[in-house]
């Protein structure tokens, strides 16, 4: 499984010491015995790299093959398609677009409106979206067929 880490939780995951609720995500992405991947692209990538510590950490993950970046034009085009549907509760159409393009079906976020969008089967389906909010959700840190398929071409 791939995970999308929203800008509102990125410091809790990436900046030491990681928050206990988000430590499982950090370990899943960094431990050699694990196979976690984070996907980034489009507006989310630009939001994340404004923080120097997060930018450096993402670069390290990319070098280790644990972060996959999708090109802005692809994410931007899908963001426009999602926006045209007119059904998003949040202002995070770019994250929905990234999930649709990458196949990632878990988002790490504390944004309730984004949670509603991510669970909306009209926006994300096959498989459905899941929300990581705390350490009790560590069972979500696993691969799905959707993400593996889309990352194979990158």
N, C-alpha and C. Protein backbone atom coordinates (compact mmCIF):
# COMPACT_ATOMS: atom_id res chain seq x y z
N UNK A 1 0.84 -1.16 0.00
CA UNK A 1 0.00 0.00 0.00
C UNK A 1 0.88 1.22 0.00
N UNK A 2 0.39 2.20 -0.62
CA UNK A 2 1.04 3.50 -0.61
C UNK A 2 0.19 4.40 0.25
N UNK A 3 0.83 5.41 0.78
CA UNK A 3 0.11 6.33 1.64
C UNK A 3 0.32 7.75 1.12
N UNK A 4 -0.68 8.56 1.30
CA UNK A 4 -0.60 9.99 1.03
C UNK A 4 -0.57 10.66 2.39
N UNK A 5 0.41 11.52 2.60
CA UNK A 5 0.52 12.22 3.87
C UNK A 5 0.17 13.68 3.63
N UNK A 6 -0.94 14.09 4.22
CA UNK A 6 -1.42 15.46 4.08
C UNK A 6 -0.47 16.41 4.79
N UNK A 7 -0.44 17.64 4.34
CA UNK A 7 0.44 18.64 4.92
C UNK A 7 0.13 18.88 6.40
N UNK A 8 -1.09 18.63 6.83
CA UNK A 8 -1.44 18.88 8.23
C UNK A 8 -0.90 17.82 9.19
N UNK A 9 -0.46 16.68 8.67
CA UNK A 9 0.14 15.64 9.52
C UNK A 9 1.60 15.39 9.19
N UNK A 10 2.11 15.93 8.12
CA UNK A 10 3.50 15.69 7.71
C UNK A 10 4.50 15.99 8.82
N UNK A 11 4.40 17.13 9.52
CA UNK A 11 5.37 17.37 10.59
C UNK A 11 5.29 16.33 11.71
N UNK A 12 4.09 15.78 11.94
CA UNK A 12 3.92 14.77 12.98
C UNK A 12 4.58 13.45 12.59
N UNK A 13 4.71 13.21 11.30
CA UNK A 13 5.34 11.99 10.79
C UNK A 13 6.84 12.19 10.63
N UNK A 14 7.24 13.27 9.98
CA UNK A 14 8.61 13.42 9.49
C UNK A 14 9.57 14.17 10.40
N UNK A 15 9.06 15.05 11.25
CA UNK A 15 9.99 15.84 12.06
C UNK A 15 10.24 15.16 13.40
N UNK A 16 11.50 14.93 13.73
CA UNK A 16 11.80 14.24 14.98
C UNK A 16 11.50 15.12 16.19
N UNK A 17 11.11 14.53 17.29
CA UNK A 17 10.69 13.12 17.34
C UNK A 17 9.28 12.99 16.79
N UNK A 18 9.04 11.92 16.04
CA UNK A 18 7.72 11.76 15.45
C UNK A 18 6.68 11.53 16.55
N UNK A 19 5.50 12.04 16.32
CA UNK A 19 4.38 11.92 17.25
C UNK A 19 4.06 10.43 17.43
N UNK A 20 3.78 9.97 18.67
CA UNK A 20 3.49 8.55 18.89
C UNK A 20 2.37 8.00 18.01
N UNK A 21 1.37 8.81 17.70
CA UNK A 21 0.29 8.33 16.84
C UNK A 21 0.75 8.13 15.40
N UNK A 22 1.81 8.82 15.00
CA UNK A 22 2.27 8.74 13.62
C UNK A 22 3.60 8.01 13.48
N UNK A 23 4.14 7.55 14.59
CA UNK A 23 5.40 6.78 14.57
C UNK A 23 5.26 5.52 13.71
N UNK A 24 4.14 4.79 13.75
CA UNK A 24 4.02 3.62 12.87
C UNK A 24 4.19 3.96 11.39
N UNK A 25 3.72 5.13 10.97
CA UNK A 25 3.89 5.54 9.57
C UNK A 25 5.37 5.79 9.29
N UNK A 26 6.03 6.52 10.18
CA UNK A 26 7.46 6.79 10.04
C UNK A 26 8.24 5.48 9.93
N UNK A 27 7.97 4.54 10.83
CA UNK A 27 8.69 3.26 10.82
C UNK A 27 8.38 2.45 9.57
N UNK A 28 7.14 2.48 9.12
CA UNK A 28 6.74 1.73 7.93
C UNK A 28 7.49 2.25 6.69
N UNK A 29 7.75 3.55 6.68
CA UNK A 29 8.46 4.15 5.55
C UNK A 29 9.98 4.01 5.65
N UNK A 30 10.51 3.77 6.84
CA UNK A 30 11.97 3.82 7.01
C UNK A 30 12.63 2.50 7.37
N UNK A 31 11.94 1.61 8.05
CA UNK A 31 12.59 0.36 8.47
C UNK A 31 12.87 -0.54 7.27
N UNK A 32 14.09 -1.09 7.20
CA UNK A 32 14.44 -1.98 6.08
C UNK A 32 13.52 -3.19 5.96
N UNK A 33 12.97 -3.66 7.08
CA UNK A 33 12.10 -4.84 7.02
C UNK A 33 10.69 -4.51 6.54
N UNK A 34 10.38 -3.25 6.38
CA UNK A 34 9.06 -2.82 5.92
C UNK A 34 9.16 -2.42 4.45
N UNK A 35 8.00 -2.26 3.81
CA UNK A 35 8.00 -1.92 2.39
C UNK A 35 7.06 -0.75 2.07
N UNK A 36 6.98 0.20 2.98
CA UNK A 36 6.08 1.33 2.79
C UNK A 36 6.56 2.31 1.74
N UNK A 37 5.59 2.98 1.13
CA UNK A 37 5.88 4.03 0.15
C UNK A 37 4.90 5.17 0.34
N UNK A 38 5.41 6.36 0.19
CA UNK A 38 4.58 7.56 0.20
C UNK A 38 4.51 8.07 -1.23
N UNK A 39 3.35 8.55 -1.64
CA UNK A 39 3.21 9.13 -2.97
C UNK A 39 2.97 10.62 -2.82
N UNK A 40 3.58 11.37 -3.72
CA UNK A 40 3.43 12.82 -3.72
C UNK A 40 3.31 13.30 -5.15
N UNK A 41 2.84 14.51 -5.30
CA UNK A 41 2.74 15.11 -6.62
C UNK A 41 1.80 16.28 -6.61
N UNK A 42 1.90 17.10 -7.63
CA UNK A 42 1.01 18.24 -7.78
C UNK A 42 1.12 19.22 -6.63
N UNK A 43 0.00 19.80 -6.29
CA UNK A 43 -0.04 20.83 -5.24
C UNK A 43 0.46 20.30 -3.90
N UNK A 44 0.16 19.04 -3.58
CA UNK A 44 0.62 18.48 -2.31
C UNK A 44 2.14 18.50 -2.22
N UNK A 45 2.82 18.13 -3.29
CA UNK A 45 4.29 18.16 -3.29
C UNK A 45 4.80 19.57 -3.01
N UNK A 46 4.18 20.54 -3.63
CA UNK A 46 4.60 21.93 -3.43
C UNK A 46 4.34 22.39 -1.99
N UNK A 47 3.22 21.96 -1.41
CA UNK A 47 2.92 22.30 -0.02
C UNK A 47 3.93 21.67 0.94
N UNK A 48 4.27 20.41 0.69
CA UNK A 48 5.17 19.69 1.58
C UNK A 48 6.59 20.25 1.55
N UNK A 49 7.07 20.63 0.38
CA UNK A 49 8.48 21.05 0.30
C UNK A 49 8.72 22.47 0.79
N UNK A 50 7.68 23.17 1.20
CA UNK A 50 7.91 24.49 1.78
C UNK A 50 8.57 24.37 3.16
N UNK A 51 8.48 23.21 3.78
CA UNK A 51 9.13 22.94 5.05
C UNK A 51 10.47 22.26 4.75
N UNK A 52 11.59 22.89 5.13
CA UNK A 52 12.92 22.37 4.80
C UNK A 52 13.15 20.96 5.33
N UNK A 53 12.74 20.71 6.57
CA UNK A 53 12.96 19.39 7.16
C UNK A 53 12.18 18.31 6.40
N UNK A 54 10.95 18.62 6.05
CA UNK A 54 10.13 17.66 5.31
C UNK A 54 10.70 17.46 3.91
N UNK A 55 11.14 18.53 3.28
CA UNK A 55 11.74 18.41 1.94
C UNK A 55 12.96 17.49 1.96
N UNK A 56 13.83 17.68 2.95
CA UNK A 56 15.03 16.83 3.06
C UNK A 56 14.63 15.37 3.32
N UNK A 57 13.65 15.18 4.17
CA UNK A 57 13.22 13.83 4.48
C UNK A 57 12.63 13.14 3.25
N UNK A 58 11.80 13.86 2.50
CA UNK A 58 11.22 13.28 1.28
C UNK A 58 12.31 12.95 0.26
N UNK A 59 13.32 13.78 0.17
CA UNK A 59 14.43 13.50 -0.75
C UNK A 59 15.12 12.20 -0.35
N UNK A 60 15.33 12.01 0.95
CA UNK A 60 15.94 10.77 1.43
C UNK A 60 15.06 9.57 1.10
N UNK A 61 13.76 9.71 1.29
CA UNK A 61 12.83 8.62 0.95
C UNK A 61 12.86 8.32 -0.55
N UNK A 62 12.93 9.36 -1.38
CA UNK A 62 13.01 9.14 -2.83
C UNK A 62 14.27 8.39 -3.19
N UNK A 63 15.38 8.76 -2.61
CA UNK A 63 16.64 8.08 -2.89
C UNK A 63 16.60 6.62 -2.47
N UNK A 64 15.83 6.33 -1.45
CA UNK A 64 15.70 4.95 -0.95
C UNK A 64 14.60 4.18 -1.68
N UNK A 65 13.92 4.82 -2.63
CA UNK A 65 12.84 4.16 -3.35
C UNK A 65 11.56 4.07 -2.55
N UNK A 66 11.44 4.87 -1.51
CA UNK A 66 10.27 4.83 -0.63
C UNK A 66 9.30 5.98 -0.89
N UNK A 67 9.62 6.88 -1.78
CA UNK A 67 8.72 7.97 -2.16
C UNK A 67 8.63 8.00 -3.67
N UNK A 68 7.42 8.11 -4.17
CA UNK A 68 7.18 8.15 -5.60
C UNK A 68 6.49 9.47 -5.91
N UNK A 69 7.08 10.21 -6.84
CA UNK A 69 6.53 11.51 -7.23
C UNK A 69 5.85 11.37 -8.59
N UNK A 70 4.63 11.84 -8.65
CA UNK A 70 3.88 11.85 -9.90
C UNK A 70 3.98 13.24 -10.51
N UNK A 71 4.14 13.33 -11.82
CA UNK A 71 4.33 14.62 -12.49
C UNK A 71 3.14 15.57 -12.29
N UNK A 72 3.48 16.84 -12.08
CA UNK A 72 2.45 17.86 -11.86
C UNK A 72 1.38 17.88 -12.96
N UNK A 73 1.74 17.84 -14.25
CA UNK A 73 0.69 17.93 -15.27
C UNK A 73 -0.36 16.82 -15.17
N UNK A 74 0.06 15.63 -14.81
CA UNK A 74 -0.87 14.51 -14.68
C UNK A 74 -1.80 14.74 -13.49
N UNK A 75 -1.23 15.14 -12.36
CA UNK A 75 -2.04 15.39 -11.16
C UNK A 75 -2.94 16.60 -11.38
N UNK A 76 -2.42 17.64 -12.01
CA UNK A 76 -3.22 18.85 -12.25
C UNK A 76 -4.42 18.56 -13.15
N UNK A 77 -4.21 17.74 -14.18
CA UNK A 77 -5.32 17.40 -15.09
C UNK A 77 -6.39 16.60 -14.34
N UNK A 78 -5.96 15.67 -13.50
CA UNK A 78 -6.93 14.88 -12.73
C UNK A 78 -7.62 15.75 -11.68
N UNK A 79 -6.89 16.70 -11.11
CA UNK A 79 -7.49 17.63 -10.14
C UNK A 79 -8.62 18.40 -10.81
N UNK A 80 -8.41 18.83 -12.03
CA UNK A 80 -9.46 19.55 -12.77
C UNK A 80 -10.68 18.67 -13.01
N UNK A 81 -10.44 17.38 -13.31
CA UNK A 81 -11.56 16.45 -13.51
C UNK A 81 -12.34 16.26 -12.20
N UNK A 82 -11.61 16.11 -11.10
CA UNK A 82 -12.27 15.94 -9.79
C UNK A 82 -13.06 17.20 -9.44
N UNK A 83 -12.47 18.35 -9.64
CA UNK A 83 -13.14 19.62 -9.33
C UNK A 83 -14.41 19.77 -10.16
N UNK A 84 -14.37 19.33 -11.42
CA UNK A 84 -15.52 19.45 -12.31
C UNK A 84 -16.70 18.59 -11.85
N UNK A 85 -16.42 17.54 -11.07
CA UNK A 85 -17.50 16.72 -10.54
C UNK A 85 -18.36 17.50 -9.56
N UNK A 86 -17.76 18.46 -8.88
CA UNK A 86 -18.49 19.32 -7.95
C UNK A 86 -19.01 18.63 -6.71
N UNK A 87 -18.38 17.54 -6.28
CA UNK A 87 -18.90 16.81 -5.12
C UNK A 87 -17.94 16.78 -3.93
N UNK A 88 -16.80 17.43 -4.03
CA UNK A 88 -15.85 17.43 -2.91
C UNK A 88 -16.34 18.33 -1.78
N UNK A 89 -16.20 17.83 -0.57
CA UNK A 89 -16.51 18.62 0.63
C UNK A 89 -15.32 19.50 1.01
N UNK A 90 -14.12 19.02 0.70
CA UNK A 90 -12.90 19.71 1.09
C UNK A 90 -12.38 20.56 -0.07
N UNK A 91 -11.30 21.26 0.21
CA UNK A 91 -10.60 21.99 -0.85
C UNK A 91 -9.36 21.21 -1.27
N UNK A 92 -9.41 19.90 -1.11
CA UNK A 92 -8.27 19.03 -1.37
C UNK A 92 -8.47 18.14 -2.59
N UNK A 93 -9.03 18.70 -3.63
CA UNK A 93 -9.22 17.93 -4.87
C UNK A 93 -7.90 17.36 -5.36
N UNK A 94 -6.79 18.06 -5.09
CA UNK A 94 -5.47 17.61 -5.52
C UNK A 94 -5.07 16.31 -4.83
N UNK A 95 -5.51 16.10 -3.59
CA UNK A 95 -5.19 14.86 -2.89
C UNK A 95 -6.06 13.72 -3.43
N UNK A 96 -7.30 14.00 -3.71
CA UNK A 96 -8.17 12.99 -4.34
C UNK A 96 -7.59 12.60 -5.70
N UNK A 97 -7.14 13.59 -6.46
CA UNK A 97 -6.54 13.32 -7.77
C UNK A 97 -5.29 12.45 -7.62
N UNK A 98 -4.45 12.75 -6.65
CA UNK A 98 -3.24 11.95 -6.43
C UNK A 98 -3.60 10.51 -6.09
N UNK A 99 -4.63 10.32 -5.28
CA UNK A 99 -5.07 8.96 -4.93
C UNK A 99 -5.57 8.22 -6.18
N UNK A 100 -6.32 8.90 -7.00
CA UNK A 100 -6.88 8.28 -8.20
C UNK A 100 -5.77 7.91 -9.19
N UNK A 101 -4.78 8.77 -9.34
CA UNK A 101 -3.70 8.51 -10.29
C UNK A 101 -2.73 7.45 -9.75
N UNK A 102 -2.36 7.57 -8.48
CA UNK A 102 -1.34 6.69 -7.90
C UNK A 102 -1.88 5.32 -7.48
N UNK A 103 -3.16 5.26 -7.18
CA UNK A 103 -3.73 4.03 -6.63
C UNK A 103 -3.63 3.97 -5.12
N UNK A 104 -3.03 4.98 -4.49
CA UNK A 104 -2.94 5.00 -3.02
C UNK A 104 -4.35 5.07 -2.45
N UNK A 105 -4.61 4.26 -1.45
CA UNK A 105 -5.95 4.23 -0.87
C UNK A 105 -5.97 4.53 0.61
N UNK A 106 -4.85 5.02 1.14
CA UNK A 106 -4.81 5.45 2.54
C UNK A 106 -4.25 6.86 2.58
N UNK A 107 -4.94 7.72 3.33
CA UNK A 107 -4.47 9.08 3.52
C UNK A 107 -4.23 9.28 5.02
N UNK A 108 -3.14 9.93 5.33
CA UNK A 108 -2.79 10.29 6.70
C UNK A 108 -3.13 11.76 6.85
N UNK A 109 -4.22 12.04 7.56
CA UNK A 109 -4.71 13.41 7.64
C UNK A 109 -5.60 13.59 8.85
N UNK A 110 -5.71 14.83 9.30
CA UNK A 110 -6.64 15.17 10.37
C UNK A 110 -7.76 16.08 9.86
N UNK A 111 -7.87 16.22 8.57
CA UNK A 111 -8.86 17.09 7.93
C UNK A 111 -10.16 16.31 7.73
N UNK A 112 -11.18 16.64 8.52
CA UNK A 112 -12.45 15.91 8.48
C UNK A 112 -13.14 16.00 7.11
N UNK A 113 -13.07 17.15 6.47
CA UNK A 113 -13.69 17.28 5.15
C UNK A 113 -12.98 16.38 4.14
N UNK A 114 -11.65 16.30 4.22
CA UNK A 114 -10.90 15.40 3.34
C UNK A 114 -11.26 13.96 3.65
N UNK A 115 -11.46 13.63 4.91
CA UNK A 115 -11.88 12.27 5.28
C UNK A 115 -13.17 11.89 4.54
N UNK A 116 -14.14 12.81 4.54
CA UNK A 116 -15.42 12.54 3.87
C UNK A 116 -15.19 12.32 2.37
N UNK A 117 -14.36 13.14 1.76
CA UNK A 117 -14.07 12.97 0.33
C UNK A 117 -13.36 11.65 0.06
N UNK A 118 -12.40 11.31 0.92
CA UNK A 118 -11.61 10.10 0.69
C UNK A 118 -12.45 8.84 0.85
N UNK A 119 -13.51 8.92 1.65
CA UNK A 119 -14.40 7.77 1.83
C UNK A 119 -15.55 7.74 0.82
N UNK A 120 -15.68 8.80 0.04
CA UNK A 120 -16.75 8.90 -0.95
C UNK A 120 -16.43 7.98 -2.14
N UNK A 121 -17.22 6.95 -2.32
CA UNK A 121 -16.96 5.97 -3.38
C UNK A 121 -17.15 6.55 -4.79
N UNK A 122 -17.79 7.70 -4.88
CA UNK A 122 -17.88 8.36 -6.19
C UNK A 122 -16.54 8.99 -6.56
N UNK A 123 -15.70 9.24 -5.56
CA UNK A 123 -14.40 9.85 -5.80
C UNK A 123 -13.27 8.82 -5.81
N UNK A 124 -13.31 7.91 -4.84
CA UNK A 124 -12.27 6.89 -4.71
C UNK A 124 -12.95 5.55 -4.48
N UNK A 125 -12.61 4.59 -5.34
CA UNK A 125 -13.25 3.29 -5.28
C UNK A 125 -12.31 2.23 -5.82
N UNK A 126 -12.59 1.01 -5.48
CA UNK A 126 -11.93 -0.16 -6.05
C UNK A 126 -10.42 -0.17 -5.86
N UNK A 127 -9.92 -0.28 -4.65
CA UNK A 127 -10.65 -0.35 -3.39
C UNK A 127 -10.98 1.02 -2.82
N UNK A 128 -11.80 1.01 -1.80
CA UNK A 128 -12.24 2.25 -1.15
C UNK A 128 -11.09 2.92 -0.40
N UNK A 129 -11.24 4.21 -0.15
CA UNK A 129 -10.23 4.96 0.60
C UNK A 129 -10.31 4.68 2.10
N UNK A 130 -9.16 4.80 2.76
CA UNK A 130 -9.06 4.60 4.20
C UNK A 130 -8.32 5.78 4.82
N UNK A 131 -8.57 6.01 6.09
CA UNK A 131 -8.02 7.17 6.80
C UNK A 131 -7.13 6.70 7.94
N UNK A 132 -5.88 7.18 7.95
CA UNK A 132 -4.97 6.93 9.07
C UNK A 132 -4.96 8.19 9.93
N UNK A 133 -5.33 8.04 11.22
CA UNK A 133 -5.34 9.18 12.14
C UNK A 133 -4.52 8.96 13.40
N UNK A 134 -4.30 7.71 13.78
CA UNK A 134 -3.55 7.43 15.00
C UNK A 134 -2.99 6.01 14.96
N UNK A 135 -2.20 5.68 15.98
CA UNK A 135 -1.49 4.40 16.00
C UNK A 135 -2.42 3.19 15.95
N UNK A 136 -3.66 3.33 16.37
CA UNK A 136 -4.58 2.19 16.30
C UNK A 136 -4.93 1.84 14.85
N UNK A 137 -4.59 2.71 13.92
CA UNK A 137 -4.86 2.46 12.50
C UNK A 137 -3.66 1.85 11.78
N UNK A 138 -2.67 1.37 12.51
CA UNK A 138 -1.46 0.84 11.88
C UNK A 138 -1.74 -0.36 10.97
N UNK A 139 -2.87 -1.01 11.17
CA UNK A 139 -3.24 -2.13 10.29
C UNK A 139 -3.44 -1.67 8.84
N UNK A 140 -3.64 -0.38 8.64
CA UNK A 140 -3.83 0.16 7.29
C UNK A 140 -2.53 0.27 6.52
N UNK A 141 -1.41 0.09 7.19
CA UNK A 141 -0.10 0.23 6.55
C UNK A 141 0.27 -1.08 5.87
N UNK A 142 -0.35 -1.28 4.73
CA UNK A 142 -0.13 -2.48 3.92
C UNK A 142 -0.41 -2.14 2.46
N UNK A 143 0.03 -3.00 1.58
CA UNK A 143 -0.13 -2.73 0.15
C UNK A 143 -1.49 -3.19 -0.36
N UNK A 144 -1.99 -2.48 -1.37
CA UNK A 144 -3.20 -2.88 -2.07
C UNK A 144 -2.85 -3.12 -3.53
N UNK A 145 -3.68 -3.86 -4.19
CA UNK A 145 -3.43 -4.14 -5.61
C UNK A 145 -3.45 -2.87 -6.45
N UNK A 146 -4.23 -1.89 -6.08
CA UNK A 146 -4.33 -0.65 -6.86
C UNK A 146 -3.01 0.09 -6.89
N UNK A 147 -2.36 0.22 -5.76
CA UNK A 147 -1.12 0.98 -5.69
C UNK A 147 0.01 0.24 -6.38
N UNK A 148 0.12 -1.03 -6.16
CA UNK A 148 1.19 -1.81 -6.80
C UNK A 148 1.13 -1.69 -8.31
N UNK A 149 -0.06 -1.79 -8.86
CA UNK A 149 -0.23 -1.72 -10.31
C UNK A 149 0.26 -0.39 -10.86
N UNK A 150 -0.15 0.71 -10.24
CA UNK A 150 0.22 2.02 -10.74
C UNK A 150 1.68 2.38 -10.52
N UNK A 151 2.31 1.84 -9.47
CA UNK A 151 3.71 2.14 -9.22
C UNK A 151 4.63 1.32 -10.10
N UNK A 152 4.15 0.22 -10.64
CA UNK A 152 4.99 -0.64 -11.47
C UNK A 152 5.48 0.12 -12.71
N UNK A 153 4.67 1.04 -13.19
CA UNK A 153 5.06 1.79 -14.39
C UNK A 153 5.96 2.96 -14.11
N UNK A 154 6.20 3.30 -12.84
CA UNK A 154 7.02 4.48 -12.50
C UNK A 154 8.44 4.11 -12.24
